[in-house]
Amino acid sequence: LHTREFGSQITNVLRCLQLEAHGYSVTVTELVGWEHSMKNELILARRM
């Protein structure tokens, strides 16, 4: 279970680093409250 959850977390960390390596400023936040969805991570990337 931890492999699945930690793997999901690391996936998004790698995506953020990838975007930053391409010149994007990245913000990570919640989309909505956890009561609405467990798939709740919102990645916002702005090209600098």
ModelCIF file with pLDDT and N, C-alpha, C, O atoms, coordinates in Angstrom:
data_MODEL
#
_entry.id   MODEL 
#
_entity.id                         1 
_entity.type                       polymer 
_entity.pdbx_number_of_molecules   1 
#
_entity_poly.entity_id                      1 
_entity_poly.type                           'polypeptide(L)' 
_entity_poly.nstd_linkage                   no 
_entity_poly.nstd_monomer                   no 
_entity_poly.pdbx_seq_one_letter_code       LHTREFGSQITNVLRCLQLEAHGYSVTVTELVGWEHSMKNELILARRM 
_entity_poly.pdbx_seq_one_letter_code_can   LHTREFGSQITNVLRCLQLEAHGYSVTVTELVGWEHSMKNELILARRM 
_entity_poly.pdbx_strand_id                 A 
#
loop_
_entity_poly_seq.entity_id 
_entity_poly_seq.num 
_entity_poly_seq.mon_id 
_entity_poly_seq.hetero 
1 1  LEU n 
1 2  HIS n 
1 3  THR n 
1 4  ARG n 
1 5  GLU n 
1 6  PHE n 
1 7  GLY n 
1 8  SER n 
1 9  GLN n 
1 10 ILE n 
1 11 THR n 
1 12 ASN n 
1 13 VAL n 
1 14 LEU n 
1 15 ARG n 
1 16 CYS n 
1 17 LEU n 
1 18 GLN n 
1 19 LEU n 
1 20 GLU n 
1 21 ALA n 
1 22 HIS n 
1 23 GLY n 
1 24 TYR n 
1 25 SER n 
1 26 VAL n 
1 27 THR n 
1 28 VAL n 
1 29 THR n 
1 30 GLU n 
1 31 LEU n 
1 32 VAL n 
1 33 GLY n 
1 34 TRP n 
1 35 GLU n 
1 36 HIS n 
1 37 SER n 
1 38 MET n 
1 39 LYS n 
1 40 ASN n 
1 41 GLU n 
1 42 LEU n 
1 43 ILE n 
1 44 LEU n 
1 45 ALA n 
1 46 ARG n 
1 47 ARG n 
1 48 MET n 
#
_struct_asym.id          A 
_struct_asym.entity_id   1 
#
loop_
_ma_qa_metric.id 
_ma_qa_metric.mode 
_ma_qa_metric.name 
_ma_qa_metric.software_group_id 
_ma_qa_metric.type 
1 global pLDDT . pLDDT 
2 local  pLDDT . pLDDT 
#
_ma_qa_metric_global.metric_id      1 
_ma_qa_metric_global.metric_value   86.98 
_ma_qa_metric_global.model_id       1 
_ma_qa_metric_global.ordinal_id     1 
#
loop_
_ma_qa_metric_local.label_asym_id 
_ma_qa_metric_local.label_comp_id 
_ma_qa_metric_local.label_seq_id 
_ma_qa_metric_local.metric_id 
_ma_qa_metric_local.metric_value 
_ma_qa_metric_local.model_id 
_ma_qa_metric_local.ordinal_id 
A LEU 1  2 93.00 1 1  
A HIS 2  2 93.00 1 2  
A THR 3  2 92.00 1 3  
A ARG 4  2 91.00 1 4  
A GLU 5  2 91.00 1 5  
A PHE 6  2 93.00 1 6  
A GLY 7  2 91.00 1 7  
A SER 8  2 91.00 1 8  
A GLN 9  2 92.00 1 9  
A ILE 10 2 94.00 1 10 
A THR 11 2 93.00 1 11 
A ASN 12 2 94.00 1 12 
A VAL 13 2 95.00 1 13 
A LEU 14 2 96.00 1 14 
A ARG 15 2 95.00 1 15 
A CYS 16 2 97.00 1 16 
A LEU 17 2 97.00 1 17 
A GLN 18 2 97.00 1 18 
A LEU 19 2 97.00 1 19 
A GLU 20 2 97.00 1 20 
A ALA 21 2 96.00 1 21 
A HIS 22 2 96.00 1 22 
A GLY 23 2 96.00 1 23 
A TYR 24 2 97.00 1 24 
A SER 25 2 97.00 1 25 
A VAL 26 2 98.00 1 26 
A THR 27 2 97.00 1 27 
A VAL 28 2 96.00 1 28 
A THR 29 2 93.00 1 29 
A GLU 30 2 87.00 1 30 
A LEU 31 2 82.00 1 31 
A VAL 32 2 67.00 1 32 
A GLY 33 2 54.00 1 33 
A TRP 34 2 46.00 1 34 
A GLU 35 2 45.00 1 35 
A HIS 36 2 45.00 1 36 
A SER 37 2 47.00 1 37 
A MET 38 2 51.00 1 38 
A LYS 39 2 63.00 1 39 
A ASN 40 2 78.00 1 40 
A GLU 41 2 90.00 1 41 
A LEU 42 2 94.00 1 42 
A ILE 43 2 95.00 1 43 
A LEU 44 2 97.00 1 44 
A ALA 45 2 98.00 1 45 
A ARG 46 2 98.00 1 46 
A ARG 47 2 97.00 1 47 
A MET 48 2 96.00 1 48 
#
loop_
_atom_site.group_PDB 
_atom_site.id 
_atom_site.type_symbol 
_atom_site.label_atom_id 
_atom_site.label_alt_id 
_atom_site.label_comp_id 
_atom_site.label_asym_id 
_atom_site.label_entity_id 
_atom_site.label_seq_id 
_atom_site.pdbx_PDB_ins_code 
_atom_site.Cartn_x 
_atom_site.Cartn_y 
_atom_site.Cartn_z 
_atom_site.occupancy 
_atom_site.B_iso_or_equiv 
_atom_site.pdbx_formal_charge 
_atom_site.auth_seq_id 
_atom_site.auth_comp_id 
_atom_site.auth_asym_id 
_atom_site.auth_atom_id 
_atom_site.pdbx_PDB_model_num 
ATOM 1   N N  . LEU A 1 1  ? 0.829   -1.202 0.000   1.00 93.00 ? 1  LEU A N  1 
ATOM 2   C CA . LEU A 1 1  ? 0.000   0.000  0.000   1.00 93.00 ? 1  LEU A CA 1 
ATOM 3   C C  . LEU A 1 1  ? 0.866   1.255  0.000   1.00 93.00 ? 1  LEU A C  1 
ATOM 4   O O  . LEU A 1 1  ? 0.578   2.225  -0.702  1.00 93.00 ? 1  LEU A O  1 
ATOM 5   N N  . HIS A 1 2  ? 1.935   1.221  0.801   1.00 93.00 ? 2  HIS A N  1 
ATOM 6   C CA . HIS A 1 2  ? 2.831   2.369  0.852   1.00 93.00 ? 2  HIS A CA 1 
ATOM 7   C C  . HIS A 1 2  ? 3.584   2.539  -0.467  1.00 93.00 ? 2  HIS A C  1 
ATOM 8   O O  . HIS A 1 2  ? 3.870   3.663  -0.878  1.00 93.00 ? 2  HIS A O  1 
ATOM 9   N N  . THR A 1 3  ? 3.903   1.432  -1.126  1.00 92.00 ? 3  THR A N  1 
ATOM 10  C CA . THR A 1 3  ? 4.562   1.515  -2.433  1.00 92.00 ? 3  THR A CA 1 
ATOM 11  C C  . THR A 1 3  ? 3.683   2.265  -3.415  1.00 92.00 ? 3  THR A C  1 
ATOM 12  O O  . THR A 1 3  ? 4.150   3.127  -4.159  1.00 92.00 ? 3  THR A O  1 
ATOM 13  N N  . ARG A 1 4  ? 2.419   1.927  -3.403  1.00 91.00 ? 4  ARG A N  1 
ATOM 14  C CA . ARG A 1 4  ? 1.485   2.582  -4.322  1.00 91.00 ? 4  ARG A CA 1 
ATOM 15  C C  . ARG A 1 4  ? 1.374   4.073  -4.019  1.00 91.00 ? 4  ARG A C  1 
ATOM 16  O O  . ARG A 1 4  ? 1.462   4.904  -4.923  1.00 91.00 ? 4  ARG A O  1 
ATOM 17  N N  . GLU A 1 5  ? 1.179   4.411  -2.738  1.00 91.00 ? 5  GLU A N  1 
ATOM 18  C CA . GLU A 1 5  ? 0.983   5.806  -2.372  1.00 91.00 ? 5  GLU A CA 1 
ATOM 19  C C  . GLU A 1 5  ? 2.269   6.617  -2.525  1.00 91.00 ? 5  GLU A C  1 
ATOM 20  O O  . GLU A 1 5  ? 2.243   7.733  -3.043  1.00 91.00 ? 5  GLU A O  1 
ATOM 21  N N  . PHE A 1 6  ? 3.396   6.053  -2.073  1.00 93.00 ? 6  PHE A N  1 
ATOM 22  C CA . PHE A 1 6  ? 4.662   6.753  -2.185  1.00 93.00 ? 6  PHE A CA 1 
ATOM 23  C C  . PHE A 1 6  ? 5.061   6.900  -3.657  1.00 93.00 ? 6  PHE A C  1 
ATOM 24  O O  . PHE A 1 6  ? 5.612   7.922  -4.065  1.00 93.00 ? 6  PHE A O  1 
ATOM 25  N N  . GLY A 1 7  ? 4.775   5.865  -4.439  1.00 91.00 ? 7  GLY A N  1 
ATOM 26  C CA . GLY A 1 7  ? 5.065   5.931  -5.870  1.00 91.00 ? 7  GLY A CA 1 
ATOM 27  C C  . GLY A 1 7  ? 4.288   7.043  -6.549  1.00 91.00 ? 7  GLY A C  1 
ATOM 28  O O  . GLY A 1 7  ? 4.813   7.740  -7.418  1.00 91.00 ? 7  GLY A O  1 
ATOM 29  N N  . SER A 1 8  ? 3.025   7.206  -6.146  1.00 91.00 ? 8  SER A N  1 
ATOM 30  C CA . SER A 1 8  ? 2.202   8.284  -6.694  1.00 91.00 ? 8  SER A CA 1 
ATOM 31  C C  . SER A 1 8  ? 2.775   9.645  -6.324  1.00 91.00 ? 8  SER A C  1 
ATOM 32  O O  . SER A 1 8  ? 2.834   10.556 -7.150  1.00 91.00 ? 8  SER A O  1 
ATOM 33  N N  . GLN A 1 9  ? 3.197   9.767  -5.064  1.00 92.00 ? 9  GLN A N  1 
ATOM 34  C CA . GLN A 1 9  ? 3.773   11.026 -4.595  1.00 92.00 ? 9  GLN A CA 1 
ATOM 35  C C  . GLN A 1 9  ? 5.056   11.354 -5.354  1.00 92.00 ? 9  GLN A C  1 
ATOM 36  O O  . GLN A 1 9  ? 5.237   12.481 -5.814  1.00 92.00 ? 9  GLN A O  1 
ATOM 37  N N  . ILE A 1 10 ? 5.939   10.376 -5.484  1.00 94.00 ? 10 ILE A N  1 
ATOM 38  C CA . ILE A 1 10 ? 7.211   10.597 -6.168  1.00 94.00 ? 10 ILE A CA 1 
ATOM 39  C C  . ILE A 1 10 ? 6.981   10.933 -7.644  1.00 94.00 ? 10 ILE A C  1 
ATOM 40  O O  . ILE A 1 10 ? 7.711   11.742 -8.217  1.00 94.00 ? 10 ILE A O  1 
ATOM 41  N N  . THR A 1 11 ? 5.984   10.322 -8.249  1.00 93.00 ? 11 THR A N  1 
ATOM 42  C CA . THR A 1 11 ? 5.683   10.620 -9.652  1.00 93.00 ? 11 THR A CA 1 
ATOM 43  C C  . THR A 1 11 ? 5.448   12.108 -9.849  1.00 93.00 ? 11 THR A C  1 
ATOM 44  O O  . THR A 1 11 ? 5.992   12.712 -10.773 1.00 93.00 ? 11 THR A O  1 
ATOM 45  N N  . ASN A 1 12 ? 4.634   12.698 -8.975  1.00 94.00 ? 12 ASN A N  1 
ATOM 46  C CA . ASN A 1 12 ? 4.345   14.124 -9.111  1.00 94.00 ? 12 ASN A CA 1 
ATOM 47  C C  . ASN A 1 12 ? 5.552   14.993 -8.764  1.00 94.00 ? 12 ASN A C  1 
ATOM 48  O O  . ASN A 1 12 ? 5.737   16.063 -9.344  1.00 94.00 ? 12 ASN A O  1 
ATOM 49  N N  . VAL A 1 13 ? 6.375   14.531 -7.815  1.00 95.00 ? 13 VAL A N  1 
ATOM 50  C CA . VAL A 1 13 ? 7.612   15.256 -7.511  1.00 95.00 ? 13 VAL A CA 1 
ATOM 51  C C  . VAL A 1 13 ? 8.519   15.289 -8.744  1.00 95.00 ? 13 VAL A C  1 
ATOM 52  O O  . VAL A 1 13 ? 9.093   16.328 -9.071  1.00 95.00 ? 13 VAL A O  1 
ATOM 53  N N  . LEU A 1 14 ? 8.644   14.158 -9.418  1.00 96.00 ? 14 LEU A N  1 
ATOM 54  C CA . LEU A 1 14 ? 9.470   14.090 -10.617 1.00 96.00 ? 14 LEU A CA 1 
ATOM 55  C C  . LEU A 1 14 ? 8.911   14.979 -11.724 1.00 96.00 ? 14 LEU A C  1 
ATOM 56  O O  . LEU A 1 14 ? 9.667   15.618 -12.456 1.00 96.00 ? 14 LEU A O  1 
ATOM 57  N N  . ARG A 1 15 ? 7.595   15.016 -11.841 1.00 95.00 ? 15 ARG A N  1 
ATOM 58  C CA . ARG A 1 15 ? 6.972   15.880 -12.858 1.00 95.00 ? 15 ARG A CA 1 
ATOM 59  C C  . ARG A 1 15 ? 7.279   17.356 -12.582 1.00 95.00 ? 15 ARG A C  1 
ATOM 60  O O  . ARG A 1 15 ? 7.567   18.123 -13.501 1.00 95.00 ? 15 ARG A O  1 
ATOM 61  N N  . CYS A 1 16 ? 7.213   17.732 -11.325 1.00 97.00 ? 16 CYS A N  1 
ATOM 62  C CA . CYS A 1 16 ? 7.497   19.123 -10.966 1.00 97.00 ? 16 CYS A CA 1 
ATOM 63  C C  . CYS A 1 16 ? 8.949   19.481 -11.274 1.00 97.00 ? 16 CYS A C  1 
ATOM 64  O O  . CYS A 1 16 ? 9.226   20.556 -11.807 1.00 97.00 ? 16 CYS A O  1 
ATOM 65  N N  . LEU A 1 17 ? 9.874   18.584 -10.941 1.00 97.00 ? 17 LEU A N  1 
ATOM 66  C CA . LEU A 1 17 ? 11.283  18.823 -11.245 1.00 97.00 ? 17 LEU A CA 1 
ATOM 67  C C  . LEU A 1 17 ? 11.513  18.888 -12.760 1.00 97.00 ? 17 LEU A C  1 
ATOM 68  O O  . LEU A 1 17 ? 12.297  19.704 -13.244 1.00 97.00 ? 17 LEU A O  1 
ATOM 69  N N  . GLN A 1 18 ? 10.833  18.033 -13.482 1.00 97.00 ? 18 GLN A N  1 
ATOM 70  C CA . GLN A 1 18 ? 10.952  18.047 -14.940 1.00 97.00 ? 18 GLN A CA 1 
ATOM 71  C C  . GLN A 1 18 ? 10.498  19.394 -15.508 1.00 97.00 ? 18 GLN A C  1 
ATOM 72  O O  . GLN A 1 18 ? 11.174  19.974 -16.358 1.00 97.00 ? 18 GLN A O  1 
ATOM 73  N N  . LEU A 1 19 ? 9.368   19.879 -15.043 1.00 97.00 ? 19 LEU A N  1 
ATOM 74  C CA . LEU A 1 19 ? 8.858   21.172 -15.515 1.00 97.00 ? 19 LEU A CA 1 
ATOM 75  C C  . LEU A 1 19 ? 9.818   22.309 -15.150 1.00 97.00 ? 19 LEU A C  1 
ATOM 76  O O  . LEU A 1 19 ? 10.063  23.208 -15.954 1.00 97.00 ? 19 LEU A O  1 
ATOM 77  N N  . GLU A 1 20 ? 10.359  22.257 -13.925 1.00 97.00 ? 20 GLU A N  1 
ATOM 78  C CA . GLU A 1 20 ? 11.305  23.292 -13.509 1.00 97.00 ? 20 GLU A CA 1 
ATOM 79  C C  . GLU A 1 20 ? 12.575  23.243 -14.354 1.00 97.00 ? 20 GLU A C  1 
ATOM 80  O O  . GLU A 1 20 ? 13.148  24.284 -14.676 1.00 97.00 ? 20 GLU A O  1 
ATOM 81  N N  . ALA A 1 21 ? 13.013  22.042 -14.713 1.00 96.00 ? 21 ALA A N  1 
ATOM 82  C CA . ALA A 1 21 ? 14.204  21.898 -15.539 1.00 96.00 ? 21 ALA A CA 1 
ATOM 83  C C  . ALA A 1 21 ? 13.995  22.467 -16.936 1.00 96.00 ? 21 ALA A C  1 
ATOM 84  O O  . ALA A 1 21 ? 14.958  22.809 -17.623 1.00 96.00 ? 21 ALA A O  1 
ATOM 85  N N  . HIS A 1 22 ? 12.745  22.566 -17.352 1.00 96.00 ? 22 HIS A N  1 
ATOM 86  C CA . HIS A 1 22 ? 12.413  23.153 -18.655 1.00 96.00 ? 22 HIS A CA 1 
ATOM 87  C C  . HIS A 1 22 ? 12.038  24.629 -18.548 1.00 96.00 ? 22 HIS A C  1 
ATOM 88  O O  . HIS A 1 22 ? 11.551  25.222 -19.510 1.00 96.00 ? 22 HIS A O  1 
ATOM 89  N N  . GLY A 1 23 ? 12.266  25.216 -17.382 1.00 96.00 ? 23 GLY A N  1 
ATOM 90  C CA . GLY A 1 23 ? 12.067  26.650 -17.273 1.00 96.00 ? 23 GLY A CA 1 
ATOM 91  C C  . GLY A 1 23 ? 10.708  27.090 -16.776 1.00 96.00 ? 23 GLY A C  1 
ATOM 92  O O  . GLY A 1 23 ? 10.309  28.234 -16.994 1.00 96.00 ? 23 GLY A O  1 
ATOM 93  N N  . TYR A 1 24 ? 9.991   26.198 -16.111 1.00 97.00 ? 24 TYR A N  1 
ATOM 94  C CA . TYR A 1 24 ? 8.675   26.542 -15.571 1.00 97.00 ? 24 TYR A CA 1 
ATOM 95  C C  . TYR A 1 24 ? 8.766   26.796 -14.070 1.00 97.00 ? 24 TYR A C  1 
ATOM 96  O O  . TYR A 1 24 ? 9.520   26.135 -13.355 1.00 97.00 ? 24 TYR A O  1 
ATOM 97  N N  . SER A 1 25 ? 7.994   27.748 -13.619 1.00 97.00 ? 25 SER A N  1 
ATOM 98  C CA . SER A 1 25 ? 7.786   27.942 -12.196 1.00 97.00 ? 25 SER A CA 1 
ATOM 99  C C  . SER A 1 25 ? 6.573   27.106 -11.808 1.00 97.00 ? 25 SER A C  1 
ATOM 100 O O  . SER A 1 25 ? 5.529   27.192 -12.455 1.00 97.00 ? 25 SER A O  1 
ATOM 101 N N  . VAL A 1 26 ? 6.700   26.298 -10.756 1.00 98.00 ? 26 VAL A N  1 
ATOM 102 C CA . VAL A 1 26 ? 5.670   25.305 -10.429 1.00 98.00 ? 26 VAL A CA 1 
ATOM 103 C C  . VAL A 1 26 ? 5.076   25.582 -9.054  1.00 98.00 ? 26 VAL A C  1 
ATOM 104 O O  . VAL A 1 26 ? 5.789   25.861 -8.090  1.00 98.00 ? 26 VAL A O  1 
ATOM 105 N N  . THR A 1 27 ? 3.753   25.497 -8.992  1.00 97.00 ? 27 THR A N  1 
ATOM 106 C CA . THR A 1 27 ? 3.014   25.580 -7.733  1.00 97.00 ? 27 THR A CA 1 
ATOM 107 C C  . THR A 1 27 ? 2.164   24.322 -7.603  1.00 97.00 ? 27 THR A C  1 
ATOM 108 O O  . THR A 1 27 ? 1.514   23.910 -8.564  1.00 97.00 ? 27 THR A O  1 
ATOM 109 N N  . VAL A 1 28 ? 2.164   23.712 -6.427  1.00 96.00 ? 28 VAL A N  1 
ATOM 110 C CA . VAL A 1 28 ? 1.357   22.518 -6.167  1.00 96.00 ? 28 VAL A CA 1 
ATOM 111 C C  . VAL A 1 28 ? 0.378   22.838 -5.045  1.00 96.00 ? 28 VAL A C  1 
ATOM 112 O O  . VAL A 1 28 ? 0.769   23.338 -3.990  1.00 96.00 ? 28 VAL A O  1 
ATOM 113 N N  . THR A 1 29 ? -0.887  22.546 -5.281  1.00 93.00 ? 29 THR A N  1 
ATOM 114 C CA . THR A 1 29 ? -1.907  22.849 -4.284  1.00 93.00 ? 29 THR A CA 1 
ATOM 115 C C  . THR A 1 29 ? -3.026  21.822 -4.365  1.00 93.00 ? 29 THR A C  1 
ATOM 116 O O  . THR A 1 29 ? -2.977  20.910 -5.190  1.00 93.00 ? 29 THR A O  1 
ATOM 117 N N  . GLU A 1 30 ? -4.043  21.968 -3.502  1.00 87.00 ? 30 GLU A N  1 
ATOM 118 C CA . GLU A 1 30 ? -5.216  21.104 -3.548  1.00 87.00 ? 30 GLU A CA 1 
ATOM 119 C C  . GLU A 1 30 ? -6.203  21.643 -4.566  1.00 87.00 ? 30 GLU A C  1 
ATOM 120 O O  . GLU A 1 30 ? -6.361  22.855 -4.716  1.00 87.00 ? 30 GLU A O  1 
ATOM 121 N N  . LEU A 1 31 ? -6.857  20.740 -5.257  1.00 82.00 ? 31 LEU A N  1 
ATOM 122 C CA . LEU A 1 31 ? -7.913  21.155 -6.189  1.00 82.00 ? 31 LEU A CA 1 
ATOM 123 C C  . LEU A 1 31 ? -9.186  21.486 -5.429  1.00 82.00 ? 31 LEU A C  1 
ATOM 124 O O  . LEU A 1 31 ? -9.716  22.592 -5.539  1.00 82.00 ? 31 LEU A O  1 
ATOM 125 N N  . VAL A 1 32 ? -9.675  20.519 -4.655  1.00 67.00 ? 32 VAL A N  1 
ATOM 126 C CA . VAL A 1 32 ? -10.860 20.707 -3.820  1.00 67.00 ? 32 VAL A CA 1 
ATOM 127 C C  . VAL A 1 32 ? -10.600 19.989 -2.499  1.00 67.00 ? 32 VAL A C  1 
ATOM 128 O O  . VAL A 1 32 ? -9.553  19.366 -2.324  1.00 67.00 ? 32 VAL A O  1 
ATOM 129 N N  . GLY A 1 33 ? -11.547 20.077 -1.574  1.00 54.00 ? 33 GLY A N  1 
ATOM 130 C CA . GLY A 1 33 ? -11.398 19.366 -0.318  1.00 54.00 ? 33 GLY A CA 1 
ATOM 131 C C  . GLY A 1 33 ? -11.329 17.862 -0.525  1.00 54.00 ? 33 GLY A C  1 
ATOM 132 O O  . GLY A 1 33 ? -11.900 17.330 -1.477  1.00 54.00 ? 33 GLY A O  1 
ATOM 133 N N  . TRP A 1 34 ? -10.623 17.177 0.377   1.00 46.00 ? 34 TRP A N  1 
ATOM 134 C CA . TRP A 1 34 ? -10.444 15.729 0.242   1.00 46.00 ? 34 TRP A CA 1 
ATOM 135 C C  . TRP A 1 34 ? -11.764 14.974 0.315   1.00 46.00 ? 34 TRP A C  1 
ATOM 136 O O  . TRP A 1 34 ? -11.841 13.820 -0.108  1.00 46.00 ? 34 TRP A O  1 
ATOM 137 N N  . GLU A 1 35 ? -12.805 15.614 0.851   1.00 45.00 ? 35 GLU A N  1 
ATOM 138 C CA . GLU A 1 35 ? -14.095 14.923 0.906   1.00 45.00 ? 35 GLU A CA 1 
ATOM 139 C C  . GLU A 1 35 ? -14.703 14.755 -0.477  1.00 45.00 ? 35 GLU A C  1 
ATOM 140 O O  . GLU A 1 35 ? -15.602 13.935 -0.664  1.00 45.00 ? 35 GLU A O  1 
ATOM 141 N N  . HIS A 1 36 ? -14.220 15.527 -1.453  1.00 45.00 ? 36 HIS A N  1 
ATOM 142 C CA . HIS A 1 36 ? -14.771 15.449 -2.803  1.00 45.00 ? 36 HIS A CA 1 
ATOM 143 C C  . HIS A 1 36 ? -14.004 14.473 -3.688  1.00 45.00 ? 36 HIS A C  1 
ATOM 144 O O  . HIS A 1 36 ? -14.596 13.803 -4.534  1.00 45.00 ? 36 HIS A O  1 
ATOM 145 N N  . SER A 1 37 ? -12.689 14.392 -3.496  1.00 47.00 ? 37 SER A N  1 
ATOM 146 C CA . SER A 1 37 ? -11.891 13.521 -4.360  1.00 47.00 ? 37 SER A CA 1 
ATOM 147 C C  . SER A 1 37 ? -10.553 13.234 -3.702  1.00 47.00 ? 37 SER A C  1 
ATOM 148 O O  . SER A 1 37 ? -9.936  14.125 -3.118  1.00 47.00 ? 37 SER A O  1 
ATOM 149 N N  . MET A 1 38 ? -10.099 11.968 -3.801  1.00 51.00 ? 38 MET A N  1 
ATOM 150 C CA . MET A 1 38 ? -8.780  11.617 -3.311  1.00 51.00 ? 38 MET A CA 1 
ATOM 151 C C  . MET A 1 38 ? -7.706  11.943 -4.354  1.00 51.00 ? 38 MET A C  1 
ATOM 152 O O  . MET A 1 38 ? -6.523  12.026 -4.024  1.00 51.00 ? 38 MET A O  1 
ATOM 153 N N  . LYS A 1 39 ? -8.120  12.127 -5.614  1.00 63.00 ? 39 LYS A N  1 
ATOM 154 C CA . LYS A 1 39 ? -7.205  12.531 -6.675  1.00 63.00 ? 39 LYS A CA 1 
ATOM 155 C C  . LYS A 1 39 ? -7.248  14.055 -6.722  1.00 63.00 ? 39 LYS A C  1 
ATOM 156 O O  . LYS A 1 39 ? -7.965  14.648 -7.529  1.00 63.00 ? 39 LYS A O  1 
ATOM 157 N N  . ASN A 1 40 ? -6.479  14.665 -5.856  1.00 78.00 ? 40 ASN A N  1 
ATOM 158 C CA . ASN A 1 40 ? -6.754  16.039 -5.472  1.00 78.00 ? 40 ASN A CA 1 
ATOM 159 C C  . ASN A 1 40 ? -5.585  16.983 -5.680  1.00 78.00 ? 40 ASN A C  1 
ATOM 160 O O  . ASN A 1 40 ? -5.664  18.150 -5.297  1.00 78.00 ? 40 ASN A O  1 
ATOM 161 N N  . GLU A 1 41 ? -4.504  16.507 -6.277  1.00 90.00 ? 41 GLU A N  1 
ATOM 162 C CA . GLU A 1 41 ? -3.315  17.343 -6.422  1.00 90.00 ? 41 GLU A CA 1 
ATOM 163 C C  . GLU A 1 41 ? -3.386  18.149 -7.711  1.00 90.00 ? 41 GLU A C  1 
ATOM 164 O O  . GLU A 1 41 ? -3.619  17.604 -8.790  1.00 90.00 ? 41 GLU A O  1 
ATOM 165 N N  . LEU A 1 42 ? -3.185  19.443 -7.583  1.00 94.00 ? 42 LEU A N  1 
ATOM 166 C CA . LEU A 1 42 ? -3.230  20.351 -8.722  1.00 94.00 ? 42 LEU A CA 1 
ATOM 167 C C  . LEU A 1 42 ? -1.841  20.935 -8.939  1.00 94.00 ? 42 LEU A C  1 
ATOM 168 O O  . LEU A 1 42 ? -1.276  21.573 -8.051  1.00 94.00 ? 42 LEU A O  1 
ATOM 169 N N  . ILE A 1 43 ? -1.298  20.708 -10.134 1.00 95.00 ? 43 ILE A N  1 
ATOM 170 C CA . ILE A 1 43 ? 0.020   21.230 -10.497 1.00 95.00 ? 43 ILE A CA 1 
ATOM 171 C C  . ILE A 1 43 ? -0.168  22.366 -11.489 1.00 95.00 ? 43 ILE A C  1 
ATOM 172 O O  . ILE A 1 43 ? -0.731  22.180 -12.568 1.00 95.00 ? 43 ILE A O  1 
ATOM 173 N N  . LEU A 1 44 ? 0.310   23.543 -11.110 1.00 97.00 ? 44 LEU A N  1 
ATOM 174 C CA . LEU A 1 44 ? 0.233   24.734 -11.965 1.00 97.00 ? 44 LEU A CA 1 
ATOM 175 C C  . LEU A 1 44 ? 1.650   25.105 -12.395 1.00 97.00 ? 44 LEU A C  1 
ATOM 176 O O  . LEU A 1 44 ? 2.520   25.329 -11.553 1.00 97.00 ? 44 LEU A O  1 
ATOM 177 N N  . ALA A 1 45 ? 1.876   25.167 -13.692 1.00 98.00 ? 45 ALA A N  1 
ATOM 178 C CA . ALA A 1 45 ? 3.211   25.470 -14.212 1.00 98.00 ? 45 ALA A CA 1 
ATOM 179 C C  . ALA A 1 45 ? 3.148   26.687 -15.127 1.00 98.00 ? 45 ALA A C  1 
ATOM 180 O O  . ALA A 1 45 ? 2.314   26.759 -16.029 1.00 98.00 ? 45 ALA A O  1 
ATOM 181 N N  . ARG A 1 46 ? 4.045   27.643 -14.881 1.00 98.00 ? 46 ARG A N  1 
ATOM 182 C CA . ARG A 1 46 ? 4.129   28.878 -15.668 1.00 98.00 ? 46 ARG A CA 1 
ATOM 183 C C  . ARG A 1 46 ? 5.530   28.963 -16.295 1.00 98.00 ? 46 ARG A C  1 
ATOM 184 O O  . ARG A 1 46 ? 6.538   28.902 -15.590 1.00 98.00 ? 46 ARG A O  1 
ATOM 185 N N  . ARG A 1 47 ? 5.579   29.102 -17.611 1.00 97.00 ? 47 ARG A N  1 
ATOM 186 C CA . ARG A 1 47 ? 6.871   29.197 -18.287 1.00 97.00 ? 47 ARG A CA 1 
ATOM 187 C C  . ARG A 1 47 ? 7.508   30.554 -18.016 1.00 97.00 ? 47 ARG A C  1 
ATOM 188 O O  . ARG A 1 47 ? 6.883   31.597 -18.206 1.00 97.00 ? 47 ARG A O  1 
ATOM 189 N N  . MET A 1 48 ? 8.758   30.524 -17.569 1.00 96.00 ? 48 MET A N  1 
ATOM 190 C CA . MET A 1 48 ? 9.486   31.743 -17.245 1.00 96.00 ? 48 MET A CA 1 
ATOM 191 C C  . MET A 1 48 ? 10.407  32.107 -18.401 1.00 96.00 ? 48 MET A C  1 
ATOM 192 O O  . MET A 1 48 ? 11.117  33.110 -18.332 1.00 96.00 ? 48 MET A O  1 
#
